Amino acid sequence: MRIDVSCPSCLADFNVREQFAGKMVHCKKCGKPVEVPGRVEPLKRFSVSSDEIAVSSRRLPKKSSGSTGNMGLSLGMVVGVGATAVVGLIIVVITMSRGGPPPPVQLPAPITASPARIPSPVELNVTSPAETPTPQPLLQPVAVNDIANVTPTAPLPTVKPQEEPTVVLPLPDLIARVEPAVVRLEVEADDGEGFGSGYIVHADGTAVTNYHVIAGAKAATALFADGTKVDVQGYKLVQPRTDIAVIKLDLGDKKVEPVTIAAALPKKGIDVVGFGAPEGLSFTTSTGIISGIRNSEVMADETGQDLDGTWLQTTCPISSGSSGGPLTDRQGQLIAMNSMGHATGQNLNFAISAVDIAAALTEAPSEFKPLVPKELVAYESSIARKGVAEEIGTPRGSRLLAGLKDVAVVDPLAVFSATVDPQQLISSRIQARARGALEHRNIHVAPPGTKPGAGFGLLLAFLDFDGAAKGRTGTQTLVARSVMLCRDPDVKGRSGKYCIVWKSEEKLGSLSVPLLMHGQIPKNFQFEEKLLKLFNRLEATHRIASTAESRTEPPKETLAKPGPGKSAKTATPGVGF
């Protein structure tokens, strides 16, 4: 239904959707604010059936060892409606449609747009170049449409958003719109149970989550905010390197309004809202902003994660259990899926972009496969645990180690650290000792955002387990591990760019994990001296490499004394190694 509006400034007539009743919009002719009348006169409308796309889900680490999931982002396509309204001499025709991955999914019945959806852009036939244009929104995402005929391997089509007043929803209204499509995923694996989050992107039960949520899963269920619990039938597509999984839920007769997906990357600084189940607290909502947009190169250089895609850095708080949950803008559109956070950094969290999610949906087939653990092998994204070439003690390794100028200190197991040591009683001290060792060697500790160049390295310093203590139920042997990775500027491409030049570890002792998770450490658990010992070894190794490198530096140029009838010649510089 449409509401007739008349601009008191320029007397232009136009109409808007009934969702704007009682709100302020901008006049398309003069750009000045106009109040929409509260009464809505019924207009003739018709519905158009269309398909929707849904995304799969992800699994978090098992509960027995502490859930280590990250927040995720949901993606959905909105079924559109054609609506016709005639006001004076202005005719506005708006049509939006939702597409689904080929082959098309047969829906049980046509779906009509709900008043809760985000309004479609309005295109008016009145323009005035002389007047100030309507301010553009910070983000111009729209529901991804016109992709019904896209083949599984085709790229995501470009969507040109039309102009319409941007409506920032009050937070309670936004939650009421998005939360019914959010699910808590309970995952059963051979090594235990875990939980994460996900969201519905298609009315047929297609959902999206992080891959790490369902990695190793043999069965899973999805819980909705209204208490409904359904089975996860299987998965349609998994992309470990972008941490995306498209799954299929058995909705039965349950009707769910899918989330809508933004068609473009957001601008830095916009407000965002995250949904998930942090620490098992289902259907939690948090807020923040987009603080950065990072590509795969930056993710490798600054976070130690070997991943593909575009990642949105956000201050929206996340915790274990929120992996796979949607991150939306203030219009309620999905812009990313929260996946991971930095354990010791201040509000350093990352979400895979809606652009990558939409691309995965276009590739996802209509059929699904059952959950089979051997086909859902966990992907190791941490460079610290991947097969990176070791150059410890070699001429190349010593040269790179001695040439370090800027080093970023990174916790590659940030989610794990945040789970077992949420109050950072030990993890923060490991990071502090690592930074102190660099400063003692006059190496600059690179802040987030430092552009990697010559002399750049990553010092991975993290808390880990080394198995359960014998005869002590619930206890684990805690280990502090550290790895120095140097970036070799002579290597082209991302593969092989980093190599390990030093690594070491130190057992800190046995400790009750539940005790540590509750922020309690026995007074006799002395670990500071062991951490000092660990990073003293790093300082000593760097000192030795620097000394050896200085001995092999080419001597300064000297002028040879010319002989009779000969001109002066330059001595040949020495060659190192």
Protein backbone atom coordinates (compact mmCIF):
# COMPACT_ATOMS: atom_id res chain seq x y z
CA MET A 1 0.00 0.00 0.00
CA ARG A 2 1.19 3.56 -0.73
CA ILE A 3 0.71 6.86 1.07
CA ASP A 4 0.23 10.11 -0.83
CA VAL A 5 2.67 12.84 0.22
CA SER A 6 2.78 16.51 -0.77
CA CYS A 7 5.94 18.55 -0.21
CA PRO A 8 5.09 21.87 1.51
CA SER A 9 8.27 23.49 0.11
CA CYS A 10 8.06 22.79 -3.63
CA LEU A 11 4.45 21.42 -3.78
CA ALA A 12 5.67 18.24 -5.50
CA ASP A 13 3.39 15.20 -5.09
CA PHE A 14 4.74 11.69 -4.66
CA ASN A 15 3.97 8.55 -2.70
CA VAL A 16 5.88 6.19 -0.41
CA ARG A 17 5.29 2.80 1.15
CA GLU A 18 3.10 2.42 4.19
CA GLN A 19 6.16 1.58 6.34
CA PHE A 20 7.00 5.31 6.27
CA ALA A 21 3.68 6.34 7.88
CA GLY A 22 4.33 9.02 10.50
CA LYS A 23 8.05 9.24 9.58
CA MET A 24 10.19 11.83 7.81
CA VAL A 25 11.39 11.27 4.23
CA HIS A 26 13.26 13.45 1.74
CA CYS A 27 11.42 15.05 -1.17
CA LYS A 28 12.78 13.73 -4.45
CA LYS A 29 12.43 17.12 -6.08
CA CYS A 30 13.87 19.57 -3.57
CA GLY A 31 15.48 17.16 -1.08
CA LYS A 32 13.84 18.78 1.94
CA PRO A 33 12.32 16.67 4.75
CA VAL A 34 8.61 15.90 4.47
CA GLU A 35 6.43 14.28 7.12
CA VAL A 36 4.41 11.30 5.88
CA PRO A 37 0.74 11.27 7.02
CA GLY A 38 -0.19 8.66 9.59
CA ARG A 39 -3.30 7.40 7.76
CA VAL A 40 -2.81 4.89 4.96
CA GLU A 41 -5.38 4.73 2.19
CA PRO A 42 -5.70 1.25 0.66
CA LEU A 43 -4.30 0.91 -2.85
CA LYS A 44 -4.63 -1.94 -5.29
CA ARG A 45 -1.65 -4.32 -5.23
CA PHE A 46 -0.72 -7.66 -6.67
CA SER A 47 1.85 -10.26 -5.63
CA VAL A 48 4.59 -11.84 -7.66
CA SER A 49 6.05 -15.25 -6.77
CA SER A 50 9.83 -15.59 -6.65
CA ASP A 51 12.58 -17.84 -5.36
CA GLU A 52 14.90 -17.15 -2.44
CA ILE A 53 18.40 -18.25 -1.65
CA ALA A 54 19.47 -19.76 1.65
CA VAL A 55 22.89 -20.26 3.17
CA SER A 56 24.46 -23.10 5.12
CA SER A 57 25.69 -23.25 8.68
CA ARG A 58 28.98 -23.56 10.62
CA ARG A 59 30.06 -25.39 13.76
CA LEU A 60 32.10 -24.22 16.76
CA PRO A 61 34.62 -26.23 18.77
CA LYS A 62 33.25 -28.88 21.07
CA LYS A 63 31.97 -27.95 24.51
CA SER A 64 34.25 -30.41 26.27
CA SER A 65 37.29 -28.30 25.44
CA GLY A 66 35.51 -24.96 25.40
CA SER A 67 33.58 -23.62 22.48
CA THR A 68 35.83 -21.58 20.25
CA GLY A 69 33.47 -20.36 17.60
CA ASN A 70 33.45 -16.95 16.10
CA MET A 71 30.62 -14.74 15.13
CA GLY A 72 29.29 -15.25 11.73
CA LEU A 73 27.38 -13.38 9.12
CA SER A 74 24.17 -14.34 7.39
CA LEU A 75 23.14 -13.90 3.86
CA GLY A 76 19.71 -13.95 2.29
CA MET A 77 17.73 -12.99 -0.73
CA VAL A 78 14.39 -11.24 -0.29
CA VAL A 79 11.26 -12.13 -2.20
CA GLY A 80 10.05 -8.97 -3.83
CA VAL A 81 6.63 -7.67 -4.65
CA GLY A 82 5.32 -5.70 -7.55
CA ALA A 83 3.19 -2.77 -6.46
CA THR A 84 1.44 -0.17 -8.57
CA ALA A 85 0.22 3.21 -7.40
CA VAL A 86 -1.17 6.15 -9.34
CA VAL A 87 -0.96 9.60 -7.78
CA GLY A 88 -1.95 12.49 -10.05
CA LEU A 89 0.27 12.27 -13.16
CA ILE A 90 3.06 10.32 -11.44
CA ILE A 91 3.16 6.56 -11.94
CA VAL A 92 5.53 4.52 -9.81
CA VAL A 93 6.14 0.88 -10.55
CA ILE A 94 8.42 -1.05 -8.28
CA THR A 95 9.30 -4.68 -8.72
CA MET A 96 11.80 -6.71 -6.72
CA SER A 97 12.45 -10.39 -7.09
CA ARG A 98 14.55 -12.93 -5.32
CA GLY A 99 16.66 -15.46 -7.13
CA GLY A 100 17.89 -18.88 -6.09
CA PRO A 101 20.79 -21.13 -7.04
CA PRO A 102 20.13 -23.26 -10.14
CA PRO A 103 18.43 -25.53 -10.70
CA PRO A 104 15.45 -23.50 -9.33
CA VAL A 105 13.90 -24.74 -6.12
CA GLN A 106 10.17 -25.43 -6.43
CA LEU A 107 8.47 -23.46 -3.70
CA PRO A 108 5.16 -24.74 -2.30
CA ALA A 109 3.34 -21.47 -2.95
CA PRO A 110 3.97 -17.89 -4.08
CA ILE A 111 5.40 -15.64 -1.40
CA THR A 112 4.36 -12.06 -0.99
CA ALA A 113 6.35 -9.31 0.59
CA SER A 114 5.82 -8.64 4.24
CA PRO A 115 5.48 -5.14 5.73
CA ALA A 116 8.50 -6.02 7.88
CA ARG A 117 10.81 -6.07 4.86
CA ILE A 118 13.05 -3.18 4.04
CA PRO A 119 11.29 -0.85 1.58
CA SER A 120 12.22 -1.17 -2.06
CA PRO A 121 13.92 1.84 -3.61
CA VAL A 122 11.49 4.44 -5.02
CA GLU A 123 12.09 5.96 -8.41
CA LEU A 124 10.24 9.23 -9.07
CA ASN A 125 9.71 10.92 -12.41
CA VAL A 126 10.44 14.37 -11.06
CA THR A 127 13.96 15.71 -10.95
CA SER A 128 15.41 19.15 -10.70
CA PRO A 129 19.12 19.50 -11.50
CA ALA A 130 19.12 22.97 -9.99
CA GLU A 131 18.11 21.70 -6.60
CA THR A 132 20.41 20.05 -4.05
CA PRO A 133 20.27 16.25 -4.52
CA THR A 134 19.05 13.98 -1.80
CA PRO A 135 21.97 12.93 0.46
CA GLN A 136 23.21 9.46 -0.42
CA PRO A 137 23.13 6.80 2.30
CA LEU A 138 26.40 5.62 3.82
CA LEU A 139 25.76 2.21 2.32
CA GLN A 140 23.79 1.46 -0.81
CA PRO A 141 23.03 -2.23 -0.40
CA VAL A 142 19.83 -3.77 -1.65
CA ALA A 143 18.45 -7.25 -1.63
CA VAL A 144 20.38 -9.21 -4.22
CA ASN A 145 18.04 -9.85 -7.10
CA ASP A 146 17.82 -10.92 -10.73
CA ILE A 147 19.97 -14.02 -10.25
CA ALA A 148 17.39 -16.71 -10.96
CA ASN A 149 19.06 -17.63 -14.25
CA VAL A 150 22.66 -17.51 -13.03
CA THR A 151 24.55 -20.75 -13.53
CA PRO A 152 26.36 -22.28 -10.53
CA THR A 153 29.76 -21.09 -11.80
CA ALA A 154 28.66 -17.63 -12.88
CA PRO A 155 29.87 -14.59 -10.93
CA LEU A 156 27.46 -12.62 -8.79
CA PRO A 157 25.69 -10.08 -11.03
CA THR A 158 26.08 -6.39 -10.40
CA VAL A 159 23.08 -4.89 -8.66
CA LYS A 160 22.39 -1.21 -9.23
CA PRO A 161 20.50 0.11 -6.23
CA GLN A 162 17.75 2.61 -6.90
CA GLU A 163 17.25 5.72 -4.83
CA GLU A 164 14.96 5.76 -1.83
CA PRO A 165 15.04 7.46 1.56
CA THR A 166 17.34 5.60 3.97
CA VAL A 167 15.51 4.46 7.08
CA VAL A 168 17.55 3.72 10.21
CA LEU A 169 15.44 1.28 12.20
CA PRO A 170 15.20 1.64 15.96
CA LEU A 171 17.17 -1.22 17.49
CA PRO A 172 14.12 -3.01 18.95
CA ASP A 173 12.43 -2.96 15.52
CA LEU A 174 15.60 -4.20 13.81
CA ILE A 175 15.92 -7.08 16.28
CA ALA A 176 12.26 -7.99 15.76
CA ARG A 177 12.88 -8.14 12.02
CA VAL A 178 16.16 -10.11 11.94
CA GLU A 179 16.10 -12.37 15.02
CA PRO A 180 13.31 -14.73 13.83
CA ALA A 181 15.67 -15.84 11.03
CA VAL A 182 18.62 -16.47 13.39
CA VAL A 183 19.28 -19.98 14.74
CA ARG A 184 21.44 -21.53 17.40
CA LEU A 185 23.17 -24.61 15.95
CA GLU A 186 23.83 -27.62 18.17
CA VAL A 187 26.45 -29.83 16.52
CA GLU A 188 27.39 -33.41 17.33
CA ALA A 189 30.82 -34.67 16.25
CA ASP A 190 32.98 -37.70 16.98
CA ASP A 191 35.15 -35.64 19.36
CA GLY A 192 32.27 -34.09 21.31
CA GLU A 193 29.54 -31.51 20.98
CA GLY A 194 29.67 -27.86 20.02
CA PHE A 195 27.42 -24.96 19.19
CA GLY A 196 27.36 -21.95 16.95
CA SER A 197 24.99 -19.66 15.11
CA GLY A 198 23.44 -19.35 11.65
CA TYR A 199 20.63 -17.64 9.78
CA ILE A 200 17.94 -18.43 7.21
CA VAL A 201 18.44 -17.04 3.71
CA HIS A 202 15.62 -18.84 1.90
CA ALA A 203 12.11 -19.88 2.85
CA ASP A 204 12.86 -23.49 1.83
CA GLY A 205 15.21 -23.84 4.83
CA THR A 206 18.52 -22.85 3.27
CA ALA A 207 20.77 -21.27 5.88
CA VAL A 208 24.33 -19.99 6.21
CA THR A 209 26.92 -20.41 8.94
CA ASN A 210 30.70 -20.62 9.36
CA TYR A 211 32.40 -23.72 8.03
CA HIS A 212 34.22 -24.25 11.31
CA VAL A 213 30.84 -24.60 13.04
CA ILE A 214 29.92 -27.76 11.11
CA ALA A 215 33.45 -29.10 10.50
CA GLY A 216 33.50 -32.74 11.61
CA ALA A 217 29.73 -32.79 12.21
CA LYS A 218 27.75 -36.00 11.97
CA ALA A 219 24.44 -34.50 13.14
CA ALA A 220 23.10 -31.06 14.00
CA THR A 221 19.92 -29.29 15.07
CA ALA A 222 18.80 -25.67 14.80
CA LEU A 223 16.92 -23.78 17.54
CA PHE A 224 14.83 -20.68 16.74
CA ALA A 225 14.08 -17.82 19.11
CA ASP A 226 10.45 -18.96 19.44
CA GLY A 227 11.61 -22.34 20.78
CA THR A 228 11.12 -24.31 17.56
CA LYS A 229 13.79 -26.96 17.03
CA VAL A 230 14.46 -28.53 13.63
CA ASP A 231 17.02 -30.90 12.16
CA VAL A 232 19.89 -29.92 9.89
CA GLN A 233 19.37 -32.16 6.87
CA GLY A 234 22.81 -31.58 5.36
CA TYR A 235 24.94 -29.09 3.47
CA LYS A 236 24.83 -27.65 -0.04
CA LEU A 237 28.23 -25.98 -0.25
CA VAL A 238 31.28 -25.50 1.97
CA GLN A 239 34.16 -23.07 1.43
CA PRO A 240 36.77 -23.61 4.18
CA ARG A 241 39.06 -20.81 2.99
CA THR A 242 36.30 -18.20 3.38
CA ASP A 243 34.76 -20.01 6.37
CA ILE A 244 31.37 -20.23 4.66
CA ALA A 245 28.94 -23.16 4.76
CA VAL A 246 25.50 -23.33 3.12
CA ILE A 247 23.26 -25.81 4.92
CA LYS A 248 19.69 -27.11 4.64
CA LEU A 249 17.23 -27.14 7.55
CA ASP A 250 14.05 -29.20 7.71
CA LEU A 251 11.55 -26.39 8.40
CA GLY A 252 8.47 -28.48 7.80
CA ASP A 253 5.45 -26.17 8.08
CA LYS A 254 7.38 -23.40 9.83
CA LYS A 255 7.38 -20.08 7.96
CA VAL A 256 10.49 -17.93 8.31
CA GLU A 257 11.19 -14.52 6.81
CA PRO A 258 14.79 -14.79 5.46
CA VAL A 259 17.37 -12.10 6.02
CA THR A 260 18.20 -9.80 3.11
CA ILE A 261 21.71 -9.49 1.70
CA ALA A 262 23.50 -6.25 0.93
CA ALA A 263 24.74 -5.99 -2.65
CA ALA A 264 27.91 -4.01 -1.89
CA LEU A 265 30.59 -3.61 0.73
CA PRO A 266 29.70 -1.13 3.46
CA LYS A 267 31.55 2.07 4.17
CA LYS A 268 33.95 2.25 7.05
CA GLY A 269 32.36 3.75 10.15
CA ILE A 270 28.74 2.66 9.71
CA ASP A 271 26.81 1.25 12.68
CA VAL A 272 26.31 -2.52 12.70
CA VAL A 273 24.37 -5.05 14.76
CA GLY A 274 25.50 -8.60 15.49
CA PHE A 275 23.39 -11.66 16.36
CA GLY A 276 24.46 -14.96 17.88
CA ALA A 277 24.88 -17.13 20.97
CA PRO A 278 28.02 -15.85 22.77
CA GLU A 279 29.19 -18.31 25.43
CA GLY A 280 25.95 -20.22 24.86
CA LEU A 281 23.69 -17.26 25.66
CA SER A 282 21.30 -17.78 22.77
CA PHE A 283 19.84 -14.91 20.73
CA THR A 284 22.11 -12.18 22.00
CA THR A 285 22.36 -8.86 20.16
CA SER A 286 25.36 -6.50 20.21
CA THR A 287 26.30 -3.30 18.42
CA GLY A 288 29.43 -1.70 17.01
CA ILE A 289 30.86 -0.12 13.87
CA ILE A 290 32.82 -1.21 10.81
CA SER A 291 36.38 -0.24 11.69
CA GLY A 292 38.17 -1.58 8.62
CA ILE A 293 37.93 -3.62 5.42
CA ARG A 294 40.72 -6.18 4.96
CA ASN A 295 41.74 -8.38 2.05
CA SER A 296 43.39 -11.79 2.28
CA GLU A 297 46.91 -10.35 2.12
CA VAL A 298 46.27 -8.10 5.11
CA MET A 299 44.65 -10.98 7.02
CA ALA A 300 47.79 -13.07 6.52
CA ASP A 301 50.21 -10.27 7.32
CA GLU A 302 48.42 -8.81 10.33
CA THR A 303 46.44 -11.65 11.88
CA GLY A 304 48.40 -14.74 10.85
CA GLN A 305 45.33 -16.24 9.14
CA ASP A 306 45.60 -17.89 5.72
CA LEU A 307 42.16 -17.06 4.33
CA ASP A 308 40.49 -15.91 1.13
CA GLY A 309 37.80 -13.27 0.62
CA THR A 310 37.12 -9.81 1.98
CA TRP A 311 36.88 -9.43 5.75
CA LEU A 312 35.16 -6.64 7.64
CA GLN A 313 36.84 -5.58 10.85
CA THR A 314 34.27 -4.61 13.45
CA THR A 315 34.06 -3.43 17.04
CA CYS A 316 30.86 -5.41 17.53
CA PRO A 317 31.67 -7.70 20.50
CA ILE A 318 31.78 -11.41 19.78
CA SER A 319 32.48 -14.48 21.88
CA SER A 320 32.55 -18.23 21.47
CA GLY A 321 29.21 -19.43 20.16
CA SER A 322 28.51 -16.45 17.94
CA SER A 323 30.31 -17.90 14.93
CA GLY A 324 28.06 -17.98 11.90
CA GLY A 325 25.69 -15.29 13.17
CA PRO A 326 24.66 -12.37 10.94
CA LEU A 327 26.17 -8.90 11.09
CA THR A 328 23.68 -6.36 9.72
CA ASP A 329 23.51 -2.65 9.05
CA ARG A 330 20.90 -0.44 10.73
CA GLN A 331 18.46 -1.14 7.89
CA GLY A 332 18.52 -4.84 8.83
CA GLN A 333 20.47 -6.01 5.78
CA LEU A 334 23.20 -8.62 6.10
CA ILE A 335 26.62 -7.12 5.37
CA ALA A 336 28.84 -9.88 6.82
CA MET A 337 29.00 -13.04 8.93
CA ASN A 338 31.01 -12.87 12.14
CA SER A 339 33.76 -15.46 12.25
CA MET A 340 36.65 -14.64 14.59
CA GLY A 341 38.08 -12.19 17.08
CA HIS A 342 41.44 -11.14 18.46
CA ALA A 343 41.82 -12.44 22.00
CA THR A 344 44.07 -9.68 23.35
CA GLY A 345 43.24 -6.79 21.02
CA GLN A 346 40.65 -4.19 21.84
CA ASN A 347 37.49 -4.86 19.80
CA LEU A 348 39.37 -6.54 16.94
CA ASN A 349 36.77 -8.85 15.40
CA PHE A 350 36.38 -10.05 11.82
CA ALA A 351 33.43 -11.07 9.64
CA ILE A 352 33.42 -12.47 6.09
CA SER A 353 31.65 -10.04 3.75
CA ALA A 354 28.17 -10.42 2.25
CA VAL A 355 29.75 -10.13 -1.19
CA ASP A 356 31.59 -13.42 -0.58
CA ILE A 357 28.48 -15.00 0.90
CA ALA A 358 26.37 -14.00 -2.11
CA ALA A 359 29.00 -15.46 -4.45
CA ALA A 360 28.90 -18.74 -2.51
CA LEU A 361 25.11 -18.85 -2.80
CA THR A 362 25.24 -18.55 -6.57
CA GLU A 363 27.51 -21.62 -6.63
CA ALA A 364 25.46 -23.69 -4.20
CA PRO A 365 23.39 -26.43 -5.85
CA SER A 366 19.74 -27.03 -4.98
CA GLU A 367 20.49 -30.53 -3.67
CA PHE A 368 22.12 -31.13 -0.31
CA LYS A 369 24.50 -33.79 1.02
CA PRO A 370 24.23 -35.46 4.44
CA LEU A 371 26.61 -34.46 7.23
CA VAL A 372 29.59 -36.83 7.09
CA PRO A 373 32.61 -36.09 9.35
CA LYS A 374 35.24 -37.33 6.89
CA GLU A 375 33.90 -34.95 4.22
CA LEU A 376 33.85 -31.97 6.58
CA VAL A 377 37.48 -31.92 7.64
CA ALA A 378 38.50 -28.97 9.81
CA TYR A 379 40.49 -26.31 7.97
CA GLU A 380 43.58 -24.98 9.71
CA SER A 381 43.73 -21.28 8.92
CA SER A 382 46.49 -20.36 11.36
CA ILE A 383 49.85 -19.87 9.68
CA ALA A 384 51.41 -21.00 12.95
CA ARG A 385 50.03 -24.51 12.50
CA LYS A 386 50.27 -24.84 8.75
CA GLY A 387 53.13 -26.38 6.83
CA VAL A 388 55.22 -23.20 6.59
CA ALA A 389 58.80 -23.76 5.47
CA GLU A 390 61.35 -23.67 8.28
CA GLU A 391 64.55 -21.70 7.85
CA ILE A 392 65.77 -21.99 11.43
CA GLY A 393 69.54 -21.64 11.54
CA THR A 394 69.95 -21.42 7.76
CA PRO A 395 71.70 -18.47 6.09
CA ARG A 396 68.36 -17.27 4.75
CA GLY A 397 66.67 -17.58 8.13
CA SER A 398 69.49 -15.81 9.97
CA ARG A 399 69.48 -13.00 7.41
CA LEU A 400 65.73 -12.45 7.72
CA LEU A 401 65.81 -12.69 11.52
CA ALA A 402 68.65 -10.19 11.80
CA GLY A 403 66.92 -7.80 9.39
CA LEU A 404 63.68 -7.51 11.40
CA LYS A 405 62.46 -3.92 11.79
CA ASP A 406 58.69 -4.16 12.33
CA VAL A 407 57.07 -7.15 14.01
CA ALA A 408 53.36 -7.66 14.75
CA VAL A 409 52.58 -9.75 17.83
CA VAL A 410 49.65 -12.04 17.06
CA ASP A 411 47.67 -14.69 18.92
CA PRO A 412 46.79 -17.18 16.14
CA LEU A 413 44.51 -19.11 18.51
CA ALA A 414 42.60 -16.05 19.68
CA VAL A 415 39.24 -17.78 19.91
CA PHE A 416 40.76 -20.67 21.86
CA SER A 417 42.48 -18.25 24.24
CA ALA A 418 39.27 -16.28 24.75
CA THR A 419 37.47 -19.52 25.62
CA VAL A 420 39.87 -21.14 28.09
CA ASP A 421 41.26 -17.86 29.48
CA PRO A 422 38.42 -15.31 29.06
CA GLN A 423 39.91 -12.92 31.60
CA GLN A 424 43.33 -13.04 29.92
CA LEU A 425 45.16 -13.97 33.09
CA ILE A 426 47.83 -15.93 31.20
CA SER A 427 47.30 -15.09 27.50
CA SER A 428 47.82 -11.37 28.06
CA ARG A 429 51.09 -12.03 29.90
CA ILE A 430 52.36 -14.14 26.99
CA GLN A 431 51.65 -11.27 24.63
CA ALA A 432 53.25 -8.74 26.98
CA ARG A 433 56.44 -10.80 27.32
CA ALA A 434 56.62 -11.18 23.56
CA ARG A 435 56.40 -7.43 23.02
CA GLY A 436 58.96 -6.83 25.76
CA ALA A 437 61.47 -9.15 24.06
CA LEU A 438 61.13 -7.23 20.80
CA GLU A 439 61.58 -3.89 22.51
CA HIS A 440 64.71 -5.14 24.29
CA ARG A 441 66.17 -5.93 20.85
CA ASN A 442 65.17 -2.50 19.49
CA ILE A 443 62.61 -4.02 17.14
CA HIS A 444 59.50 -1.91 16.56
CA VAL A 445 56.24 -3.55 17.66
CA ALA A 446 54.01 -2.96 14.64
CA PRO A 447 50.48 -1.76 15.44
CA PRO A 448 47.42 -3.05 13.53
CA GLY A 449 47.31 -1.63 10.03
CA THR A 450 51.09 -1.53 9.48
CA LYS A 451 51.85 -2.16 5.83
CA PRO A 452 54.25 -5.11 5.54
CA GLY A 453 57.53 -4.32 3.86
CA ALA A 454 61.20 -5.22 4.10
CA GLY A 455 62.06 -6.36 7.61
CA PHE A 456 58.47 -7.25 8.53
CA GLY A 457 57.67 -10.26 10.69
CA LEU A 458 54.95 -11.95 12.72
CA LEU A 459 55.63 -13.13 16.25
CA LEU A 460 52.97 -15.70 17.06
CA ALA A 461 52.67 -16.01 20.85
CA PHE A 462 49.86 -18.09 22.29
CA LEU A 463 48.55 -20.35 25.03
CA ASP A 464 48.04 -24.01 24.20
CA PHE A 465 47.40 -27.37 25.84
CA ASP A 466 49.77 -30.33 25.93
CA GLY A 467 47.33 -33.00 27.06
CA ALA A 468 45.56 -33.80 30.31
CA ALA A 469 47.61 -34.12 33.47
CA LYS A 470 47.92 -37.72 34.63
CA GLY A 471 45.58 -38.71 37.42
CA ARG A 472 43.97 -35.28 37.62
CA THR A 473 40.48 -35.01 36.15
CA GLY A 474 39.69 -31.69 34.49
CA THR A 475 43.28 -30.48 34.46
CA GLN A 476 45.48 -29.72 31.47
CA THR A 477 49.17 -29.07 30.99
CA LEU A 478 49.39 -25.47 29.81
CA VAL A 479 52.08 -24.57 27.31
CA ALA A 480 53.25 -21.18 26.06
CA ARG A 481 54.32 -21.42 22.42
CA SER A 482 55.94 -18.84 20.18
CA VAL A 483 56.90 -18.79 16.51
CA MET A 484 58.72 -16.06 14.60
CA LEU A 485 57.68 -15.77 10.95
CA CYS A 486 59.64 -13.50 8.65
CA ARG A 487 58.25 -12.05 5.44
CA ASP A 488 60.69 -12.58 2.58
CA PRO A 489 60.36 -9.70 0.10
CA ASP A 490 62.16 -11.77 -2.57
CA VAL A 491 59.32 -14.32 -2.75
CA LYS A 492 56.53 -13.51 -5.21
CA GLY A 493 52.90 -14.34 -4.43
CA ARG A 494 51.36 -15.29 -1.09
CA SER A 495 52.50 -18.91 -1.11
CA GLY A 496 55.86 -19.28 0.60
CA LYS A 497 56.11 -15.58 1.43
CA TYR A 498 56.57 -16.34 5.12
CA CYS A 499 59.06 -18.76 6.64
CA ILE A 500 59.74 -19.81 10.24
CA VAL A 501 63.06 -18.49 11.55
CA TRP A 502 62.59 -19.30 15.25
CA LYS A 503 60.24 -21.23 17.47
CA SER A 504 60.18 -22.45 21.03
CA GLU A 505 57.82 -23.43 23.83
CA GLU A 506 57.73 -23.62 27.60
CA LYS A 507 55.51 -25.79 29.79
CA LEU A 508 53.82 -23.62 32.39
CA GLY A 509 52.42 -26.46 34.50
CA SER A 510 49.12 -28.24 35.10
CA LEU A 511 46.01 -26.26 35.89
CA SER A 512 42.26 -26.85 36.15
CA VAL A 513 40.67 -25.47 32.99
CA PRO A 514 37.33 -24.65 34.67
CA LEU A 515 39.29 -22.73 37.31
CA LEU A 516 41.11 -20.73 34.63
CA MET A 517 37.87 -20.07 32.75
CA HIS A 518 36.43 -18.55 35.94
CA GLY A 519 39.43 -16.27 36.31
CA GLN A 520 41.16 -18.08 39.17
CA ILE A 521 44.80 -19.17 39.31
CA PRO A 522 46.38 -20.81 42.39
CA LYS A 523 49.05 -18.74 44.09
CA ASN A 524 51.60 -21.51 43.61
CA PHE A 525 51.11 -21.48 39.83
CA GLN A 526 54.23 -19.48 39.00
CA PHE A 527 54.43 -18.96 35.25
CA GLU A 528 56.03 -15.52 34.84
CA GLU A 529 59.59 -16.84 35.20
CA LYS A 530 58.91 -19.51 32.59
CA LEU A 531 57.58 -16.93 30.14
CA LEU A 532 60.68 -14.80 30.76
CA LYS A 533 62.83 -17.83 30.03
CA LEU A 534 60.94 -18.52 26.78
CA PHE A 535 61.39 -15.05 25.33
CA ASN A 536 64.95 -14.70 26.60
CA ARG A 537 65.71 -17.47 24.12
CA LEU A 538 64.21 -15.34 21.35
CA GLU A 539 66.40 -12.37 22.33
CA ALA A 540 69.51 -14.55 22.40
CA THR A 541 68.76 -16.05 18.99
CA HIS A 542 68.22 -12.60 17.46
CA ARG A 543 71.44 -11.32 19.03
CA ILE A 544 73.44 -14.19 17.54
CA ALA A 545 71.86 -13.74 14.09
CA SER A 546 72.53 -9.99 14.16
CA THR A 547 76.14 -10.51 15.15
CA ALA A 548 76.71 -13.09 12.40
CA GLU A 549 75.04 -10.83 9.85
CA SER A 550 77.18 -7.85 10.80
CA ARG A 551 80.34 -9.92 10.27
CA THR A 552 79.30 -10.77 6.73
CA GLU A 553 78.33 -7.25 5.68
CA PRO A 554 80.25 -5.95 2.66
CA PRO A 555 83.17 -3.70 3.68
CA LYS A 556 82.98 -0.05 2.89
CA GLU A 557 84.37 1.01 -0.46
CA THR A 558 88.02 2.09 -0.35
CA LEU A 559 90.10 3.80 -2.96
CA ALA A 560 93.19 1.95 -4.13
CA LYS A 561 96.34 3.99 -4.47
CA PRO A 562 97.03 4.53 -8.15
CA GLY A 563 100.29 3.28 -9.53
CA PRO A 564 102.46 5.15 -11.99
CA GLY A 565 100.39 6.05 -15.04
CA LYS A 566 97.25 4.43 -13.66
CA SER A 567 94.05 5.98 -12.45
CA ALA A 568 92.42 5.20 -9.13
CA LYS A 569 90.12 2.13 -9.05
CA THR A 570 87.38 1.12 -6.66
CA ALA A 571 87.96 -1.99 -4.59
CA THR A 572 85.42 -4.81 -5.11
CA PRO A 573 82.97 -5.04 -2.20
CA GLY A 574 82.95 -8.26 -0.23
CA VAL A 575 80.02 -10.66 -0.64
CA GLY A 576 78.20 -12.10 2.35
CA PHE A 577 77.44 -15.83 2.77
